[in-house]
Amino acid sequence: MAKPKKEAPPVVTVDDVEYKHEDLNDEQKVIYAHIADLQRKSNTTRFNLDQLKVGLDAFGEMLVKSLKNGNDKVENGKDDEN
């Protein structure tokens, strides 16, 4: 059975100075946790926005293709019966 990998403790770099997470005080750890959580949320939001953009583009193209193929009874704003 494989041994679980030990993760290196997080290191915070500020102004080119590295700080070990374990050396931060409680307030600094909370602030770091907020920053990490906000970065995750920002990345998730970007990912979701990318999906929404692709979906909107795809459905827009589907509508244009459908209208060009004559699948709609209305052309140029007038019914075929007129």
N, C-alpha and C. Protein backbone atom coordinates (compact mmCIF):
# COMPACT_ATOMS: atom_id res chain seq x y z
N MET A 1 0.84 -1.17 0.00
CA MET A 1 0.00 0.00 0.00
C MET A 1 0.89 1.25 0.00
N ALA A 2 0.48 2.24 -0.80
CA ALA A 2 1.28 3.46 -0.92
C ALA A 2 1.14 4.31 0.33
N LYS A 3 2.23 4.94 0.69
CA LYS A 3 2.22 5.83 1.84
C LYS A 3 1.61 7.16 1.43
N PRO A 4 0.76 7.73 2.29
CA PRO A 4 0.20 9.04 1.94
C PRO A 4 1.30 10.09 1.91
N LYS A 5 1.18 10.99 0.96
CA LYS A 5 2.17 12.05 0.83
C LYS A 5 1.91 13.11 1.90
N LYS A 6 2.98 13.57 2.53
CA LYS A 6 2.85 14.67 3.47
C LYS A 6 2.92 15.97 2.69
N GLU A 7 1.94 16.82 2.93
CA GLU A 7 1.95 18.11 2.26
C GLU A 7 2.86 19.06 3.02
N ALA A 8 3.60 19.83 2.28
CA ALA A 8 4.46 20.83 2.90
C ALA A 8 3.58 21.91 3.50
N PRO A 9 3.95 22.41 4.66
CA PRO A 9 3.14 23.48 5.25
C PRO A 9 3.14 24.70 4.34
N PRO A 10 2.00 25.40 4.27
CA PRO A 10 1.92 26.56 3.39
C PRO A 10 2.95 27.63 3.77
N VAL A 11 3.43 28.28 2.77
CA VAL A 11 4.36 29.38 2.96
C VAL A 11 3.72 30.62 2.36
N VAL A 12 3.70 31.69 3.10
CA VAL A 12 3.14 32.96 2.64
C VAL A 12 4.31 33.86 2.27
N THR A 13 4.28 34.38 1.06
CA THR A 13 5.34 35.28 0.62
C THR A 13 4.77 36.69 0.49
N VAL A 14 5.36 37.61 1.25
CA VAL A 14 4.94 39.01 1.20
C VAL A 14 6.20 39.85 1.02
N ASP A 15 6.21 40.65 -0.02
CA ASP A 15 7.37 41.51 -0.32
C ASP A 15 8.67 40.69 -0.36
N ASP A 16 8.60 39.57 -1.02
CA ASP A 16 9.76 38.66 -1.20
C ASP A 16 10.28 38.05 0.10
N VAL A 17 9.48 38.10 1.14
CA VAL A 17 9.85 37.46 2.41
C VAL A 17 8.88 36.30 2.64
N GLU A 18 9.43 35.11 2.91
CA GLU A 18 8.61 33.93 3.13
C GLU A 18 8.31 33.75 4.62
N TYR A 19 7.04 33.45 4.92
CA TYR A 19 6.59 33.20 6.28
C TYR A 19 5.94 31.83 6.31
N LYS A 20 6.33 30.98 7.24
CA LYS A 20 5.68 29.69 7.40
C LYS A 20 4.33 29.89 8.07
N HIS A 21 3.35 29.15 7.58
CA HIS A 21 2.00 29.27 8.14
C HIS A 21 2.01 29.03 9.65
N GLU A 22 2.79 28.07 10.08
CA GLU A 22 2.83 27.73 11.51
C GLU A 22 3.40 28.86 12.37
N ASP A 23 4.15 29.78 11.74
CA ASP A 23 4.72 30.90 12.48
C ASP A 23 3.80 32.12 12.56
N LEU A 24 2.68 32.08 11.83
CA LEU A 24 1.75 33.20 11.86
C LEU A 24 0.97 33.19 13.17
N ASN A 25 0.56 34.38 13.62
CA ASN A 25 -0.30 34.41 14.80
C ASN A 25 -1.73 34.10 14.39
N ASP A 26 -2.63 33.98 15.35
CA ASP A 26 -4.00 33.56 15.04
C ASP A 26 -4.70 34.52 14.09
N GLU A 27 -4.52 35.81 14.28
CA GLU A 27 -5.16 36.78 13.40
C GLU A 27 -4.63 36.64 11.97
N GLN A 28 -3.33 36.46 11.83
CA GLN A 28 -2.73 36.32 10.51
C GLN A 28 -3.20 35.04 9.82
N LYS A 29 -3.38 33.98 10.60
CA LYS A 29 -3.88 32.71 10.04
C LYS A 29 -5.30 32.88 9.52
N VAL A 30 -6.13 33.63 10.26
CA VAL A 30 -7.51 33.87 9.82
C VAL A 30 -7.51 34.70 8.54
N ILE A 31 -6.69 35.73 8.50
CA ILE A 31 -6.60 36.57 7.30
C ILE A 31 -6.13 35.73 6.11
N TYR A 32 -5.13 34.89 6.33
CA TYR A 32 -4.64 34.00 5.28
C TYR A 32 -5.75 33.07 4.80
N ALA A 33 -6.53 32.54 5.73
CA ALA A 33 -7.63 31.64 5.37
C ALA A 33 -8.67 32.38 4.51
N HIS A 34 -8.96 33.63 4.84
CA HIS A 34 -9.89 34.43 4.04
C HIS A 34 -9.35 34.63 2.63
N ILE A 35 -8.07 34.96 2.54
CA ILE A 35 -7.46 35.17 1.22
C ILE A 35 -7.52 33.90 0.39
N ALA A 36 -7.16 32.77 1.00
CA ALA A 36 -7.19 31.49 0.27
C ALA A 36 -8.60 31.15 -0.18
N ASP A 37 -9.59 31.37 0.69
CA ASP A 37 -10.98 31.08 0.34
C ASP A 37 -11.47 32.00 -0.78
N LEU A 38 -11.12 33.27 -0.71
CA LEU A 38 -11.52 34.20 -1.76
C LEU A 38 -10.87 33.86 -3.10
N GLN A 39 -9.61 33.39 -3.07
CA GLN A 39 -8.96 32.97 -4.31
C GLN A 39 -9.67 31.76 -4.91
N ARG A 40 -10.06 30.80 -4.07
CA ARG A 40 -10.80 29.63 -4.57
C ARG A 40 -12.13 30.07 -5.17
N LYS A 41 -12.84 30.96 -4.47
CA LYS A 41 -14.13 31.43 -4.98
C LYS A 41 -13.97 32.19 -6.29
N SER A 42 -12.93 33.00 -6.38
CA SER A 42 -12.67 33.75 -7.60
C SER A 42 -12.39 32.80 -8.77
N ASN A 43 -11.59 31.78 -8.53
CA ASN A 43 -11.29 30.80 -9.58
C ASN A 43 -12.54 30.04 -10.00
N THR A 44 -13.38 29.67 -9.02
CA THR A 44 -14.62 28.96 -9.33
C THR A 44 -15.56 29.86 -10.14
N THR A 45 -15.63 31.12 -9.77
CA THR A 45 -16.49 32.06 -10.49
C THR A 45 -16.00 32.25 -11.92
N ARG A 46 -14.68 32.35 -12.11
CA ARG A 46 -14.12 32.47 -13.46
C ARG A 46 -14.47 31.24 -14.29
N PHE A 47 -14.35 30.06 -13.68
CA PHE A 47 -14.66 28.80 -14.35
C PHE A 47 -16.13 28.77 -14.77
N ASN A 48 -17.02 29.16 -13.84
CA ASN A 48 -18.45 29.19 -14.14
C ASN A 48 -18.77 30.21 -15.22
N LEU A 49 -18.11 31.36 -15.17
CA LEU A 49 -18.33 32.38 -16.20
C LEU A 49 -17.90 31.89 -17.57
N ASP A 50 -16.78 31.17 -17.63
CA ASP A 50 -16.35 30.58 -18.90
C ASP A 50 -17.40 29.64 -19.46
N GLN A 51 -17.97 28.80 -18.57
CA GLN A 51 -19.02 27.87 -19.01
C GLN A 51 -20.25 28.63 -19.50
N LEU A 52 -20.64 29.67 -18.80
CA LEU A 52 -21.80 30.46 -19.21
C LEU A 52 -21.57 31.12 -20.57
N LYS A 53 -20.38 31.67 -20.78
CA LYS A 53 -20.07 32.32 -22.06
C LYS A 53 -20.14 31.31 -23.20
N VAL A 54 -19.57 30.13 -23.01
CA VAL A 54 -19.60 29.10 -24.05
C VAL A 54 -21.04 28.67 -24.32
N GLY A 55 -21.81 28.50 -23.26
CA GLY A 55 -23.21 28.12 -23.42
C GLY A 55 -24.00 29.17 -24.17
N LEU A 56 -23.81 30.44 -23.81
CA LEU A 56 -24.51 31.52 -24.51
C LEU A 56 -24.12 31.56 -25.98
N ASP A 57 -22.84 31.43 -26.26
CA ASP A 57 -22.39 31.42 -27.66
C ASP A 57 -23.00 30.26 -28.42
N ALA A 58 -23.00 29.08 -27.81
CA ALA A 58 -23.53 27.89 -28.48
C ALA A 58 -25.02 28.04 -28.76
N PHE A 59 -25.79 28.49 -27.78
CA PHE A 59 -27.22 28.65 -28.01
C PHE A 59 -27.50 29.76 -29.01
N GLY A 60 -26.69 30.82 -29.00
CA GLY A 60 -26.85 31.88 -30.00
C GLY A 60 -26.61 31.35 -31.40
N GLU A 61 -25.56 30.55 -31.56
CA GLU A 61 -25.28 29.95 -32.86
C GLU A 61 -26.39 28.99 -33.28
N MET A 62 -26.92 28.23 -32.31
CA MET A 62 -28.01 27.31 -32.63
C MET A 62 -29.24 28.07 -33.12
N LEU A 63 -29.53 29.21 -32.49
CA LEU A 63 -30.69 30.00 -32.91
C LEU A 63 -30.47 30.56 -34.30
N VAL A 64 -29.31 31.11 -34.56
CA VAL A 64 -29.01 31.66 -35.89
C VAL A 64 -29.12 30.57 -36.94
N LYS A 65 -28.55 29.40 -36.68
CA LYS A 65 -28.60 28.29 -37.63
C LYS A 65 -30.04 27.85 -37.87
N SER A 66 -30.82 27.77 -36.81
CA SER A 66 -32.22 27.37 -36.95
C SER A 66 -33.00 28.37 -37.78
N LEU A 67 -32.77 29.65 -37.54
CA LEU A 67 -33.48 30.67 -38.31
C LEU A 67 -33.05 30.66 -39.78
N LYS A 68 -31.76 30.45 -40.03
CA LYS A 68 -31.28 30.42 -41.41
C LYS A 68 -31.77 29.20 -42.17
N ASN A 69 -32.03 28.11 -41.45
CA ASN A 69 -32.51 26.89 -42.10
C ASN A 69 -34.01 26.92 -42.36
N GLY A 70 -34.67 28.02 -42.02
CA GLY A 70 -36.09 28.15 -42.30
C GLY A 70 -36.97 27.38 -41.33
N ASN A 71 -36.46 27.04 -40.17
CA ASN A 71 -37.26 26.33 -39.19
C ASN A 71 -38.25 27.23 -38.49
N ASP A 72 -38.21 28.51 -38.78
CA ASP A 72 -39.13 29.46 -38.18
C ASP A 72 -40.09 29.92 -39.27
N LYS A 73 -41.37 30.06 -38.95
CA LYS A 73 -42.38 30.45 -39.94
C LYS A 73 -42.35 31.95 -40.23
N VAL A 74 -41.64 32.69 -39.40
CA VAL A 74 -41.58 34.14 -39.57
C VAL A 74 -40.24 34.52 -40.16
N GLU A 75 -40.29 35.24 -41.31
CA GLU A 75 -39.06 35.68 -41.95
C GLU A 75 -39.18 37.18 -42.19
N ASN A 76 -38.16 37.90 -41.86
CA ASN A 76 -38.16 39.36 -42.01
C ASN A 76 -39.33 40.01 -41.29
N GLY A 77 -39.78 39.45 -40.20
CA GLY A 77 -40.84 40.03 -39.40
C GLY A 77 -42.24 39.83 -39.96
N LYS A 78 -42.41 39.05 -41.02
CA LYS A 78 -43.73 38.85 -41.62
C LYS A 78 -44.05 37.37 -41.66
N ASP A 79 -45.32 37.03 -41.45
CA ASP A 79 -45.77 35.63 -41.57
C ASP A 79 -45.72 35.20 -43.03
N ASP A 80 -45.55 33.89 -43.26
CA ASP A 80 -45.53 33.34 -44.61
C ASP A 80 -46.87 33.53 -45.32
N GLU A 81 -47.94 33.67 -44.52
CA GLU A 81 -49.28 33.77 -45.11
C GLU A 81 -49.53 35.12 -45.74
N ASN A 82 -48.75 36.16 -45.43
CA ASN A 82 -48.99 37.51 -45.96
C ASN A 82 -48.34 37.70 -47.29
